[in-house]
Amino acid sequence: MSREGIPDATNFQETTTMTKYLTNLITEKGRSLDDTIKIDGHYGLTWGMLVEFIAQMPEYHSQIRTTLVKIDFKNGDVFHYLTHLAQGMVASVGN
């Protein structure tokens, strides 16, 4: 962030890049950003909400992307990991 509270160009670019990456990954794997993430006790949570949440944390983008690439390369279930991240999102913002 700049001193005026306006995101600097680097963070904006990182956010946009991560948003595009996650959006492409989710849709290429056959899901919509509007699809619901199934977490016990939480209703209406969507993949799009998770993408927005992750996009706001550029310090984790590299680690998240690296993990997703490794899972995808081994033909693993990227949605298992994304659901894990969604559970962390729920825990961090409260029930």
Foldseek 3Di string as FASTA:
>chain_A
DDPVPDDDPVLVVLLVVQLVVQCCVQVVVPHHQQDAQDDPPDPRHGNVNLSNVVSVPSVCSVVLVVVLVVCVVVVHDSSVVSSVSVVVVCVVVDD
